[in-house]
Amino acid sequence: MQRCVKRKLKSPVTIIIGIKCTDGIVIASDSRTIYPDGHFDDNVQKLHAIHFQDKNSMIVAVAGNADFASRAIELIETAAGQINLDNYRAGADCVDKAISELRQKVREQIRGTSEEIQKQIASYSFELMIAYYYGKTPYIFTLDFEVGIAIKRDREYWAIGCGSILADFIVSRLDLSGFTTAQGMWTAIYAVEEIKKIESRCGGVTRAATVLNPILLDEQKSVAQVGENNSDGMKEAINEALEFSSQAKAEWKVIARTRINDLIARRMKRLNPT
C-alpha cells in the first residue's frame, strides 16, 4: 500500500498586505529578501507602479525569489505599455502573459521531464499581488509563479508571503468596510511593523503604495503611486504604529494582570467560602 506524502507548502519570503478602501487601494510591504546562500538584503523594492498605454496604472508587489521576480516585472512593464486597461481582467491577463513567457524561458533552458521542470520552477518560487481600478471598482489579484494564473481576491483585504498568516491574525478581524486610504495605510504599516518583530524572514524598511479611486480624479484613470520610504509622512506613520504597539502592549499587560488576579481571587473564594 502506497503512503500518501503531503506536499510541503512554501511561502515566499516577505510580507505584502493589500487593503481596499473607500477612496483607493493601499499596499504595504517589508523590504527583505533572502538568497539561497543565506545572504539577505534589507533594501529590496517590492512595490512597482506599472503603466498602461492608455495612462491607467496598477501596482504589482513581489514576494519571493528576487531575481526572477525582477525579470517578471520587466516583462510586465513591457506588456502593459502595449495595451489598454479596457476590461476588469486586463491587468491580471497582462501579468498572466508575462509570467507564461517567463515560465517558457525556464522550460527552454532545462532538459528533463515535466516533473523535473516543475521542480525547477518551484525552486524559483515567487508570488505577485496586483492592484488596480477598472471603472469605480477596486481589484486585487494574486499570482503564484508555480501555477501561473492570476486569481481575483474579493475580500477587502489580502496578504501574501511568509508573514501572511500573522497578517490575517492582525488585520482580518477588523471591519474594513468604511476605511479611507489614511486608515488603511496606518493599518497596513502597523501590521507590517508587528510582523517584522515576529517573523525573522521579514525585515528592512516598510514601504507603501496606493491606487487612487478614479472617481476622485479628473481623468477618471486608475492611478498607482509608490510612496517614498524616506518621506516625512511615511516616517510619521511608522513612528505612530510603533508607539501604538508599545502603548497597546502595556495596556494589555495591565488588563491581563488584573483579570488573572480576579480569576485567582474568585477561585480561592470558592475553595474557601468561609
C-alpha atoms as a PDB file:
ATOM      1  CA  MET A   1       0.000   0.000   0.000  1.00  0.00           C
ATOM      2  CA  GLN A   2       1.387   3.386  -1.019  1.00  0.00           C
ATOM      3  CA  ARG A   3       1.811   6.014   1.654  1.00  0.00           C
ATOM      4  CA  CYS A   4       0.361   9.390   0.780  1.00  0.00           C
ATOM      5  CA  VAL A   5       3.000  12.083   1.198  1.00  0.00           C
ATOM      6  CA  LYS A   6       1.605  15.533   1.887  1.00  0.00           C
ATOM      7  CA  ARG A   7       3.196  18.245  -0.227  1.00  0.00           C
ATOM      8  CA  LYS A   8       5.020  20.792   1.869  1.00  0.00           C
ATOM      9  CA  LEU A   9       3.587  24.257   1.328  1.00  0.00           C
ATOM     10  CA  LYS A  10       6.089  27.044   0.786  1.00  0.00           C
ATOM     11  CA  SER A  11       5.519  30.747   1.388  1.00  0.00           C
ATOM     12  CA  PRO A  12       7.847  33.180  -0.356  1.00  0.00           C
ATOM     13  CA  VAL A  13       9.943  35.338   1.959  1.00  0.00           C
ATOM     14  CA  THR A  14       8.275  38.702   2.654  1.00  0.00           C
ATOM     15  CA  ILE A  15       5.004  40.266   3.717  1.00  0.00           C
ATOM     16  CA  ILE A  16       2.720  42.122   1.311  1.00  0.00           C
ATOM     17  CA  ILE A  17      -0.631  43.487   2.549  1.00  0.00           C
ATOM     18  CA  GLY A  18      -3.345  44.967   0.322  1.00  0.00           C
ATOM     19  CA  ILE A  19      -6.478  46.738   1.624  1.00  0.00           C
ATOM     20  CA  LYS A  20      -9.381  48.035  -0.476  1.00  0.00           C
ATOM     21  CA  CYS A  21     -10.540  51.365   0.955  1.00  0.00           C
ATOM     22  CA  THR A  22     -13.340  53.797   0.100  1.00  0.00           C
ATOM     23  CA  ASP A  23     -11.037  56.162  -1.797  1.00  0.00           C
ATOM     24  CA  GLY A  24      -8.336  53.791  -3.055  1.00  0.00           C
ATOM     25  CA  ILE A  25      -6.278  50.653  -2.543  1.00  0.00           C
ATOM     26  CA  VAL A  26      -3.378  50.564  -0.071  1.00  0.00           C
ATOM     27  CA  ILE A  27      -0.449  48.128  -0.382  1.00  0.00           C
ATOM     28  CA  ALA A  28       2.356  47.863   2.181  1.00  0.00           C
ATOM     29  CA  SER A  29       5.445  45.638   2.284  1.00  0.00           C
ATOM     30  CA  ASP A  30       8.713  44.971   4.033  1.00  0.00           C
ATOM     31  CA  SER A  31      11.961  45.124   2.024  1.00  0.00           C
ATOM     32  CA  ARG A  32      13.889  41.982   2.996  1.00  0.00           C
ATOM     33  CA  THR A  33      14.824  39.167   0.669  1.00  0.00           C
ATOM     34  CA  ILE A  34      16.945  36.124   1.493  1.00  0.00           C
ATOM     35  CA  TYR A  35      19.086  34.491  -1.192  1.00  0.00           C
ATOM     36  CA  PRO A  36      19.772  30.730  -1.473  1.00  0.00           C
ATOM     37  CA  ASP A  37      23.239  31.136   0.093  1.00  0.00           C
ATOM     38  CA  GLY A  38      21.691  32.677   3.216  1.00  0.00           C
ATOM     39  CA  HIS A  39      22.694  36.245   2.379  1.00  0.00           C
ATOM     40  CA  PHE A  40      19.902  38.766   2.900  1.00  0.00           C
ATOM     41  CA  ASP A  41      19.230  42.218   1.515  1.00  0.00           C
ATOM     42  CA  ASP A  42      17.087  44.666   3.514  1.00  0.00           C
ATOM     43  CA  ASN A  43      16.634  47.259   0.786  1.00  0.00           C
ATOM     44  CA  VAL A  44      14.707  45.460  -1.960  1.00  0.00           C
ATOM     45  CA  GLN A  45      11.971  47.385  -3.772  1.00  0.00           C
ATOM     46  CA  LYS A  46       8.919  45.119  -3.814  1.00  0.00           C
ATOM     47  CA  LEU A  47       6.268  47.631  -4.929  1.00  0.00           C
ATOM     48  CA  HIS A  48       6.170  48.625  -8.600  1.00  0.00           C
ATOM     49  CA  ALA A  49       3.929  51.055 -10.486  1.00  0.00           C
ATOM     50  CA  ILE A  50       3.079  49.590 -13.908  1.00  0.00           C
ATOM     51  CA  HIS A  51       1.774  51.908 -16.639  1.00  0.00           C
ATOM     52  CA  PHE A  52      -0.579  51.015 -19.497  1.00  0.00           C
ATOM     53  CA  GLN A  53      -0.715  52.538 -22.954  1.00  0.00           C
ATOM     54  CA  ASP A  54      -3.900  54.498 -22.085  1.00  0.00           C
ATOM     55  CA  LYS A  55      -2.280  56.108 -18.989  1.00  0.00           C
ATOM     56  CA  ASN A  56      -4.001  53.826 -16.495  1.00  0.00           C
ATOM     57  CA  SER A  57      -1.646  52.225 -13.982  1.00  0.00           C
ATOM     58  CA  MET A  58      -1.513  49.471 -11.369  1.00  0.00           C
ATOM     59  CA  ILE A  59       0.681  48.278  -8.520  1.00  0.00           C
ATOM     60  CA  VAL A  60       2.435  44.912  -8.758  1.00  0.00           C
ATOM     61  CA  ALA A  61       4.021  43.766  -5.488  1.00  0.00           C
ATOM     62  CA  VAL A  62       6.502  40.879  -5.376  1.00  0.00           C
ATOM     63  CA  ALA A  63       7.278  38.270  -2.720  1.00  0.00           C
ATOM     64  CA  GLY A  64       9.870  35.532  -3.078  1.00  0.00           C
ATOM     65  CA  ASN A  65      12.793  34.949  -5.452  1.00  0.00           C
ATOM     66  CA  ALA A  66      14.031  38.498  -6.083  1.00  0.00           C
ATOM     67  CA  ASP A  67      15.941  37.709  -9.293  1.00  0.00           C
ATOM     68  CA  PHE A  68      13.079  36.002 -11.105  1.00  0.00           C
ATOM     69  CA  ALA A  69      10.518  38.458  -9.734  1.00  0.00           C
ATOM     70  CA  SER A  70      12.639  41.314 -11.084  1.00  0.00           C
ATOM     71  CA  ARG A  71      12.635  39.726 -14.551  1.00  0.00           C
ATOM     72  CA  ALA A  72       8.873  39.246 -14.267  1.00  0.00           C
ATOM     73  CA  ILE A  73       8.411  42.966 -13.539  1.00  0.00           C
ATOM     74  CA  GLU A  74      10.425  43.839 -16.680  1.00  0.00           C
ATOM     75  CA  LEU A  75       8.196  41.602 -18.805  1.00  0.00           C
ATOM     76  CA  ILE A  76       5.025  43.019 -17.196  1.00  0.00           C
ATOM     77  CA  GLU A  77       6.169  46.608 -17.830  1.00  0.00           C
ATOM     78  CA  THR A  78       6.800  45.830 -21.497  1.00  0.00           C
ATOM     79  CA  ALA A  79       3.464  44.043 -21.952  1.00  0.00           C
ATOM     80  CA  ALA A  80       1.442  46.735 -20.142  1.00  0.00           C
ATOM     81  CA  GLY A  81       2.951  49.513 -22.252  1.00  0.00           C
ATOM     82  CA  GLN A  82       1.432  47.931 -25.358  1.00  0.00           C
ATOM     83  CA  ILE A  83      -2.178  47.502 -24.171  1.00  0.00           C
ATOM     84  CA  ASN A  84      -5.071  49.448 -22.662  1.00  0.00           C
ATOM     85  CA  LEU A  85      -6.775  48.698 -19.360  1.00  0.00           C
ATOM     86  CA  ASP A  86     -10.072  48.149 -21.198  1.00  0.00           C
ATOM     87  CA  ASN A  87     -11.715  45.414 -19.101  1.00  0.00           C
ATOM     88  CA  TYR A  88     -11.637  44.306 -15.478  1.00  0.00           C
ATOM     89  CA  ARG A  89      -9.176  41.462 -16.153  1.00  0.00           C
ATOM     90  CA  ALA A  90      -6.844  43.358 -18.492  1.00  0.00           C
ATOM     91  CA  GLY A  91      -4.251  43.991 -15.776  1.00  0.00           C
ATOM     92  CA  ALA A  92      -4.370  40.423 -14.488  1.00  0.00           C
ATOM     93  CA  ASP A  93      -4.219  38.975 -18.007  1.00  0.00           C
ATOM     94  CA  CYS A  94      -1.208  41.170 -18.767  1.00  0.00           C
ATOM     95  CA  VAL A  95       0.590  39.665 -15.771  1.00  0.00           C
ATOM     96  CA  ASP A  96      -0.541  36.138 -16.768  1.00  0.00           C
ATOM     97  CA  LYS A  97       1.009  36.634 -20.202  1.00  0.00           C
ATOM     98  CA  ALA A  98       4.315  37.888 -18.814  1.00  0.00           C
ATOM     99  CA  ILE A  99       4.569  35.012 -16.325  1.00  0.00           C
ATOM    100  CA  SER A 100       3.733  32.496 -19.063  1.00  0.00           C
ATOM    101  CA  GLU A 101       6.606  33.930 -21.106  1.00  0.00           C
ATOM    102  CA  LEU A 102       8.987  33.648 -18.143  1.00  0.00           C
ATOM    103  CA  ARG A 103       7.934  30.054 -17.431  1.00  0.00           C
ATOM    104  CA  GLN A 104       8.516  29.183 -21.098  1.00  0.00           C
ATOM    105  CA  LYS A 105      12.040  30.620 -20.927  1.00  0.00           C
ATOM    106  CA  VAL A 106      12.733  28.358 -17.914  1.00  0.00           C
ATOM    107  CA  ARG A 107      11.440  25.302 -19.817  1.00  0.00           C
ATOM    108  CA  GLU A 108      13.656  26.077 -22.805  1.00  0.00           C
ATOM    109  CA  GLN A 109      16.763  26.157 -20.629  1.00  0.00           C
ATOM    110  CA  ILE A 110      16.046  22.945 -18.714  1.00  0.00           C
ATOM    111  CA  ARG A 111      16.449  19.447 -20.131  1.00  0.00           C
ATOM    112  CA  GLY A 112      14.322  16.897 -18.356  1.00  0.00           C
ATOM    113  CA  THR A 113      10.895  15.505 -17.654  1.00  0.00           C
ATOM    114  CA  SER A 114       7.877  17.706 -16.968  1.00  0.00           C
ATOM    115  CA  GLU A 115       8.204  16.810 -13.281  1.00  0.00           C
ATOM    116  CA  GLU A 116      11.844  17.925 -13.225  1.00  0.00           C
ATOM    117  CA  ILE A 117      10.945  21.170 -14.975  1.00  0.00           C
ATOM    118  CA  GLN A 118       8.152  21.842 -12.468  1.00  0.00           C
ATOM    119  CA  LYS A 119      10.559  21.250  -9.571  1.00  0.00           C
ATOM    120  CA  GLN A 120      12.957  23.746 -11.102  1.00  0.00           C
ATOM    121  CA  ILE A 121      10.163  26.296 -11.478  1.00  0.00           C
ATOM    122  CA  ALA A 122       9.231  25.685  -7.828  1.00  0.00           C
ATOM    123  CA  SER A 123      12.815  26.461  -6.792  1.00  0.00           C
ATOM    124  CA  TYR A 124      12.387  29.944  -8.314  1.00  0.00           C
ATOM    125  CA  SER A 125       9.115  30.451  -6.459  1.00  0.00           C
ATOM    126  CA  PHE A 126       7.619  33.911  -6.036  1.00  0.00           C
ATOM    127  CA  GLU A 127       4.185  35.460  -5.641  1.00  0.00           C
ATOM    128  CA  LEU A 128       2.680  38.657  -7.018  1.00  0.00           C
ATOM    129  CA  MET A 129      -0.078  40.927  -5.760  1.00  0.00           C
ATOM    130  CA  ILE A 130      -1.767  43.006  -8.465  1.00  0.00           C
ATOM    131  CA  ALA A 131      -3.922  46.018  -7.555  1.00  0.00           C
ATOM    132  CA  TYR A 132      -5.817  48.473  -9.775  1.00  0.00           C
ATOM    133  CA  TYR A 133      -9.180  50.045 -10.540  1.00  0.00           C
ATOM    134  CA  TYR A 134     -11.386  49.344 -13.504  1.00  0.00           C
ATOM    135  CA  GLY A 135     -14.149  51.947 -13.571  1.00  0.00           C
ATOM    136  CA  LYS A 136     -15.235  52.519  -9.984  1.00  0.00           C
ATOM    137  CA  THR A 137     -14.329  49.021  -8.800  1.00  0.00           C
ATOM    138  CA  PRO A 138     -11.091  48.133  -6.966  1.00  0.00           C
ATOM    139  CA  TYR A 139      -9.444  44.817  -7.820  1.00  0.00           C
ATOM    140  CA  ILE A 140      -6.786  42.746  -6.084  1.00  0.00           C
ATOM    141  CA  PHE A 141      -5.372  39.642  -7.781  1.00  0.00           C
ATOM    142  CA  THR A 142      -2.613  37.297  -6.631  1.00  0.00           C
ATOM    143  CA  LEU A 143      -0.432  35.023  -8.727  1.00  0.00           C
ATOM    144  CA  ASP A 144       1.866  32.141  -7.762  1.00  0.00           C
ATOM    145  CA  PHE A 145       4.721  31.563 -10.229  1.00  0.00           C
ATOM    146  CA  GLU A 146       4.335  27.773  -9.866  1.00  0.00           C
ATOM    147  CA  VAL A 147       0.693  27.955 -11.004  1.00  0.00           C
ATOM    148  CA  GLY A 148       0.948  30.931 -13.351  1.00  0.00           C
ATOM    149  CA  ILE A 149      -2.664  32.159 -13.151  1.00  0.00           C
ATOM    150  CA  ALA A 150      -3.853  35.402 -11.531  1.00  0.00           C
ATOM    151  CA  ILE A 151      -6.676  34.776  -9.048  1.00  0.00           C
ATOM    152  CA  LYS A 152      -9.182  37.532  -8.195  1.00  0.00           C
ATOM    153  CA  ARG A 153      -9.497  38.185  -4.451  1.00  0.00           C
ATOM    154  CA  ASP A 154     -12.931  39.504  -3.472  1.00  0.00           C
ATOM    155  CA  ARG A 155     -12.223  40.230   0.191  1.00  0.00           C
ATOM    156  CA  GLU A 156     -11.457  43.797   1.295  1.00  0.00           C
ATOM    157  CA  TYR A 157      -8.045  42.636   2.458  1.00  0.00           C
ATOM    158  CA  TRP A 158      -5.432  40.135   1.261  1.00  0.00           C
ATOM    159  CA  ALA A 159      -1.842  39.218   2.169  1.00  0.00           C
ATOM    160  CA  ILE A 160       0.908  37.141   0.564  1.00  0.00           C
ATOM    161  CA  GLY A 161       4.329  35.952   1.692  1.00  0.00           C
ATOM    162  CA  CYS A 162       5.618  34.110   4.738  1.00  0.00           C
ATOM    163  CA  GLY A 163       4.033  36.693   7.056  1.00  0.00           C
ATOM    164  CA  SER A 164       0.523  36.307   5.605  1.00  0.00           C
ATOM    165  CA  ILE A 165      -0.811  34.116   8.434  1.00  0.00           C
ATOM    166  CA  LEU A 166       0.314  36.683  11.008  1.00  0.00           C
ATOM    167  CA  ALA A 167      -1.251  39.417   8.874  1.00  0.00           C
ATOM    168  CA  ASP A 168      -4.535  37.503   8.915  1.00  0.00           C
ATOM    169  CA  PHE A 169      -4.411  37.418  12.710  1.00  0.00           C
ATOM    170  CA  ILE A 170      -3.841  41.186  12.916  1.00  0.00           C
ATOM    171  CA  VAL A 171      -5.994  42.536  10.081  1.00  0.00           C
ATOM    172  CA  SER A 172      -8.759  40.073   9.214  1.00  0.00           C
ATOM    173  CA  ARG A 173     -10.687  40.661  12.460  1.00  0.00           C
ATOM    174  CA  LEU A 174     -11.140  44.373  11.633  1.00  0.00           C
ATOM    175  CA  ASP A 175     -14.199  45.839   9.935  1.00  0.00           C
ATOM    176  CA  LEU A 176     -12.546  47.489   6.935  1.00  0.00           C
ATOM    177  CA  SER A 177     -15.744  48.411   5.102  1.00  0.00           C
ATOM    178  CA  GLY A 178     -15.550  52.141   5.797  1.00  0.00           C
ATOM    179  CA  PHE A 179     -11.786  52.599   5.851  1.00  0.00           C
ATOM    180  CA  THR A 180     -10.232  55.526   3.993  1.00  0.00           C
ATOM    181  CA  THR A 181      -6.744  55.177   2.498  1.00  0.00           C
ATOM    182  CA  ALA A 182      -5.372  57.058   5.521  1.00  0.00           C
ATOM    183  CA  GLN A 183      -6.862  54.447   7.876  1.00  0.00           C
ATOM    184  CA  GLY A 184      -5.891  51.596   5.572  1.00  0.00           C
ATOM    185  CA  MET A 185      -2.328  52.890   5.266  1.00  0.00           C
ATOM    186  CA  TRP A 186      -1.906  53.102   9.036  1.00  0.00           C
ATOM    187  CA  THR A 187      -3.363  49.602   9.491  1.00  0.00           C
ATOM    188  CA  ALA A 188      -1.164  48.028   6.804  1.00  0.00           C
ATOM    189  CA  ILE A 189       2.003  49.718   8.100  1.00  0.00           C
ATOM    190  CA  TYR A 190       1.203  48.723  11.684  1.00  0.00           C
ATOM    191  CA  ALA A 191       0.696  45.092  10.601  1.00  0.00           C
ATOM    192  CA  VAL A 192       3.984  45.001   8.656  1.00  0.00           C
ATOM    193  CA  GLU A 193       5.890  46.512  11.593  1.00  0.00           C
ATOM    194  CA  GLU A 194       4.422  43.959  14.010  1.00  0.00           C
ATOM    195  CA  ILE A 195       5.161  41.043  11.662  1.00  0.00           C
ATOM    196  CA  LYS A 196       8.793  42.134  11.283  1.00  0.00           C
ATOM    197  CA  LYS A 197       9.194  41.745  15.062  1.00  0.00           C
ATOM    198  CA  ILE A 198       7.987  38.121  14.975  1.00  0.00           C
ATOM    199  CA  GLU A 199       8.938  36.687  11.561  1.00  0.00           C
ATOM    200  CA  SER A 200      12.711  36.805  11.026  1.00  0.00           C
ATOM    201  CA  ARG A 201      12.313  36.394   7.258  1.00  0.00           C
ATOM    202  CA  CYS A 202      10.567  39.784   7.120  1.00  0.00           C
ATOM    203  CA  GLY A 203      12.571  42.947   7.740  1.00  0.00           C
ATOM    204  CA  GLY A 204      14.147  46.088   6.352  1.00  0.00           C
ATOM    205  CA  VAL A 205      12.255  49.314   5.825  1.00  0.00           C
ATOM    206  CA  THR A 206       8.482  49.361   5.433  1.00  0.00           C
ATOM    207  CA  ARG A 207       7.217  50.699   2.109  1.00  0.00           C
ATOM    208  CA  ALA A 208       3.743  51.560   0.873  1.00  0.00           C
ATOM    209  CA  ALA A 209       1.854  52.340  -2.321  1.00  0.00           C
ATOM    210  CA  THR A 210      -1.651  53.441  -3.304  1.00  0.00           C
ATOM    211  CA  VAL A 211      -4.005  53.154  -6.239  1.00  0.00           C
ATOM    212  CA  LEU A 212      -6.418  56.103  -6.199  1.00  0.00           C
ATOM    213  CA  ASN A 213     -10.144  55.739  -6.814  1.00  0.00           C
ATOM    214  CA  PRO A 214     -10.786  57.147 -10.342  1.00  0.00           C
ATOM    215  CA  ILE A 215     -13.993  58.928  -9.275  1.00  0.00           C
ATOM    216  CA  LEU A 216     -11.809  61.309  -7.244  1.00  0.00           C
ATOM    217  CA  LEU A 217      -9.663  62.227 -10.255  1.00  0.00           C
ATOM    218  CA  ASP A 218     -10.363  64.473 -13.256  1.00  0.00           C
ATOM    219  CA  GLU A 219      -9.048  61.956 -15.798  1.00  0.00           C
ATOM    220  CA  GLN A 220     -11.041  59.014 -14.363  1.00  0.00           C
ATOM    221  CA  LYS A 221      -7.951  56.786 -14.580  1.00  0.00           C
ATOM    222  CA  SER A 222      -6.542  54.109 -12.292  1.00  0.00           C
ATOM    223  CA  VAL A 223      -3.519  55.953 -10.864  1.00  0.00           C
ATOM    224  CA  ALA A 224      -0.857  53.966  -8.966  1.00  0.00           C
ATOM    225  CA  GLN A 225       1.767  55.649  -6.794  1.00  0.00           C
ATOM    226  CA  VAL A 226       4.670  54.146  -4.851  1.00  0.00           C
ATOM    227  CA  GLY A 227       5.460  56.215  -1.767  1.00  0.00           C
ATOM    228  CA  GLU A 228       8.908  57.500  -0.863  1.00  0.00           C
ATOM    229  CA  ASN A 229      10.127  55.402   2.060  1.00  0.00           C
ATOM    230  CA  ASN A 230      12.085  58.345   3.497  1.00  0.00           C
ATOM    231  CA  SER A 231       9.213  60.817   3.278  1.00  0.00           C
ATOM    232  CA  ASP A 232       8.024  62.612   6.413  1.00  0.00           C
ATOM    233  CA  GLY A 233       4.569  61.050   6.038  1.00  0.00           C
ATOM    234  CA  MET A 234       5.950  57.509   5.938  1.00  0.00           C
ATOM    235  CA  LYS A 235       8.264  58.130   8.893  1.00  0.00           C
ATOM    236  CA  GLU A 236       5.369  59.601  10.876  1.00  0.00           C
ATOM    237  CA  ALA A 237       3.093  56.644  10.065  1.00  0.00           C
ATOM    238  CA  ILE A 238       5.760  54.138  11.127  1.00  0.00           C
ATOM    239  CA  ASN A 239       6.510  56.019  14.357  1.00  0.00           C
ATOM    240  CA  GLU A 240       2.799  56.226  15.192  1.00  0.00           C
ATOM    241  CA  ALA A 241       2.382  52.492  14.529  1.00  0.00           C
ATOM    242  CA  LEU A 242       5.340  51.649  16.783  1.00  0.00           C
ATOM    243  CA  GLU A 243       4.098  53.996  19.524  1.00  0.00           C
ATOM    244  CA  PHE A 244       0.626  52.468  19.360  1.00  0.00           C
ATOM    245  CA  SER A 245       2.136  48.979  19.533  1.00  0.00           C
ATOM    246  CA  SER A 246       4.080  49.814  22.707  1.00  0.00           C
ATOM    247  CA  GLN A 247       1.083  51.505  24.316  1.00  0.00           C
ATOM    248  CA  ALA A 248      -1.319  48.682  23.403  1.00  0.00           C
ATOM    249  CA  LYS A 249       1.035  46.051  24.821  1.00  0.00           C
ATOM    250  CA  ALA A 250       1.479  47.990  28.063  1.00  0.00           C
ATOM    251  CA  GLU A 251      -2.302  48.317  28.454  1.00  0.00           C
ATOM    252  CA  TRP A 252      -2.794  44.650  27.600  1.00  0.00           C
ATOM    253  CA  LYS A 253      -0.344  43.633  30.336  1.00  0.00           C
ATOM    254  CA  VAL A 254      -2.268  45.689  32.910  1.00  0.00           C
ATOM    255  CA  ILE A 255      -5.608  44.224  31.789  1.00  0.00           C
ATOM    256  CA  ALA A 256      -4.219  40.671  31.716  1.00  0.00           C
ATOM    257  CA  ARG A 257      -2.688  41.032  35.187  1.00  0.00           C
ATOM    258  CA  THR A 258      -5.968  42.401  36.602  1.00  0.00           C
ATOM    259  CA  ARG A 259      -8.073  39.649  35.013  1.00  0.00           C
ATOM    260  CA  ILE A 260      -5.710  36.902  36.200  1.00  0.00           C
ATOM    261  CA  ASN A 261      -5.704  38.258  39.750  1.00  0.00           C
ATOM    262  CA  ASP A 262      -9.526  38.462  39.705  1.00  0.00           C
ATOM    263  CA  LEU A 263      -9.740  34.880  38.429  1.00  0.00           C
ATOM    264  CA  ILE A 264      -7.423  33.633  41.177  1.00  0.00           C
ATOM    265  CA  ALA A 265      -9.377  35.556  43.827  1.00  0.00           C
ATOM    266  CA  ARG A 266     -12.701  34.079  42.666  1.00  0.00           C
ATOM    267  CA  ARG A 267     -11.202  30.600  42.614  1.00  0.00           C
ATOM    268  CA  MET A 268      -9.806  30.966  46.111  1.00  0.00           C
ATOM    269  CA  LYS A 269     -13.151  32.257  47.385  1.00  0.00           C
ATOM    270  CA  ARG A 270     -14.939  29.180  46.018  1.00  0.00           C
ATOM    271  CA  LEU A 271     -12.380  26.876  47.606  1.00  0.00           C
ATOM    272  CA  ASN A 272     -12.515  28.714  50.952  1.00  0.00           C
ATOM    273  CA  PRO A 273     -16.063  30.090  51.284  1.00  0.00           C
ATOM    274  CA  THR A 274     -15.624  30.886  54.963  1.00  0.00           C
END
